[in-house]
């Protein structure tokens, strides 16, 4: 019991001392950044609009490159059928391993 009381009293003194060590304003105002500006709101908005006009919000690489094919559909089908017959490509769901 004596050790417990001593431990609790030391803990209480340590907690009280830690609260007393806070020598600051309650709102932490020493960390607030102070700005002094001579620009108007309109000037800042104009500059922001100019920057926004030159930047794209489209993700890089999101455009798909399209090609115009000159091949005929029937010719492509005939070439594919010939490749299957000669064994150059596999047919069906299970190909040759």
Protein backbone atom coordinates (compact mmCIF):
# COMPACT_ATOMS: atom_id res chain seq x y z
CA UNK A 1 0.00 0.00 0.00
CA UNK A 2 2.88 2.32 0.84
CA UNK A 3 4.52 1.73 -2.56
CA UNK A 4 1.25 2.38 -4.36
CA UNK A 5 0.68 5.66 -2.54
CA UNK A 6 4.24 6.78 -3.24
CA UNK A 7 3.89 5.85 -6.94
CA UNK A 8 0.59 7.72 -7.29
CA UNK A 9 1.97 10.82 -5.53
CA UNK A 10 5.03 10.86 -7.82
CA UNK A 11 2.78 10.48 -10.85
CA UNK A 12 0.56 13.34 -9.66
CA UNK A 13 3.55 15.63 -9.09
CA UNK A 14 4.95 14.76 -12.54
CA UNK A 15 1.60 15.44 -14.20
CA UNK A 16 1.25 18.76 -12.38
CA UNK A 17 4.79 19.76 -13.35
CA UNK A 18 4.18 18.92 -17.02
CA UNK A 19 1.10 21.16 -17.10
CA UNK A 20 3.05 23.98 -15.51
CA UNK A 21 5.83 23.69 -18.10
CA UNK A 22 3.54 24.84 -20.90
CA UNK A 23 4.46 28.52 -21.21
CA UNK A 24 2.39 29.33 -24.26
CA UNK A 25 -0.87 30.89 -25.30
CA UNK A 26 -3.81 28.53 -25.41
CA UNK A 27 -4.26 28.99 -29.15
CA UNK A 28 -0.56 28.44 -30.06
CA UNK A 29 -0.38 31.88 -31.65
CA UNK A 30 3.41 31.91 -31.85
CA UNK A 31 3.13 29.39 -34.69
CA UNK A 32 0.73 31.49 -36.75
CA UNK A 33 2.25 32.86 -39.93
CA UNK A 34 1.86 36.57 -40.43
CA UNK A 35 1.47 37.89 -43.97
CA UNK A 36 1.79 41.47 -45.07
CA UNK A 37 0.69 41.99 -48.65
CA UNK A 38 0.05 44.95 -50.87
CA UNK A 39 -1.71 43.01 -53.63
CA UNK A 40 -5.45 43.20 -54.08
CA UNK A 41 -7.77 40.23 -54.30
CA UNK A 42 -8.45 41.00 -57.97
CA UNK A 43 -4.73 40.88 -58.83
CA UNK A 44 -4.35 37.49 -57.18
CA UNK A 45 -7.43 36.11 -58.93
CA UNK A 46 -6.20 37.38 -62.31
CA UNK A 47 -2.84 35.70 -61.80
CA UNK A 48 -4.51 32.44 -60.75
CA UNK A 49 -6.75 32.50 -63.84
CA UNK A 50 -3.72 33.02 -66.10
CA UNK A 51 -1.93 30.03 -64.55
CA UNK A 52 -5.05 27.85 -64.78
CA UNK A 53 -5.45 28.70 -68.48
CA UNK A 54 -1.98 27.37 -69.31
CA UNK A 55 -2.26 24.10 -67.37
CA UNK A 56 -4.17 21.02 -68.36
CA UNK A 57 -6.16 19.03 -65.83
CA UNK A 58 -6.08 16.02 -68.13
CA UNK A 59 -3.89 13.21 -66.78
CA UNK A 60 -0.70 12.59 -68.69
CA UNK A 61 -1.00 9.73 -71.15
CA UNK A 62 -4.78 9.55 -71.03
CA UNK A 63 -5.27 10.26 -74.72
CA UNK A 64 -5.67 7.27 -76.98
CA UNK A 65 -3.83 7.32 -80.28
CA UNK A 66 -6.10 6.37 -83.16
CA UNK A 67 -4.99 4.97 -86.48
CA UNK A 68 -6.86 4.86 -89.74
CA UNK A 69 -6.58 1.38 -91.17
CA UNK A 70 -6.31 0.80 -94.91
CA UNK A 71 -6.87 -2.98 -94.66
CA UNK A 72 -10.04 -4.60 -95.89
CA UNK A 73 -12.05 -6.66 -93.38
CA UNK A 74 -12.35 -9.62 -95.73
CA UNK A 75 -8.61 -9.62 -96.41
CA UNK A 76 -7.78 -9.64 -92.68
CA UNK A 77 -10.19 -12.53 -92.07
CA UNK A 78 -8.66 -14.49 -94.93
CA UNK A 79 -5.14 -13.93 -93.59
CA UNK A 80 -6.25 -15.07 -90.10
CA UNK A 81 -7.89 -18.20 -91.50
CA UNK A 82 -4.73 -19.00 -93.48
CA UNK A 83 -2.57 -18.54 -90.35
CA UNK A 84 -4.79 -20.99 -88.43
CA UNK A 85 -4.61 -23.55 -91.25
CA UNK A 86 -0.83 -23.34 -91.48
CA UNK A 87 -0.38 -23.47 -87.69
CA UNK A 88 1.15 -20.02 -87.30
CA UNK A 89 -1.47 -19.10 -84.68
CA UNK A 90 -3.57 -21.31 -82.44
CA UNK A 91 -7.31 -21.69 -82.70
CA UNK A 92 -9.80 -22.08 -79.87
CA UNK A 93 -9.47 -21.32 -76.19
CA UNK A 94 -6.60 -23.70 -75.42
CA UNK A 95 -3.60 -22.93 -77.52
CA UNK A 96 -0.58 -25.10 -77.99
CA UNK A 97 1.99 -24.73 -75.28
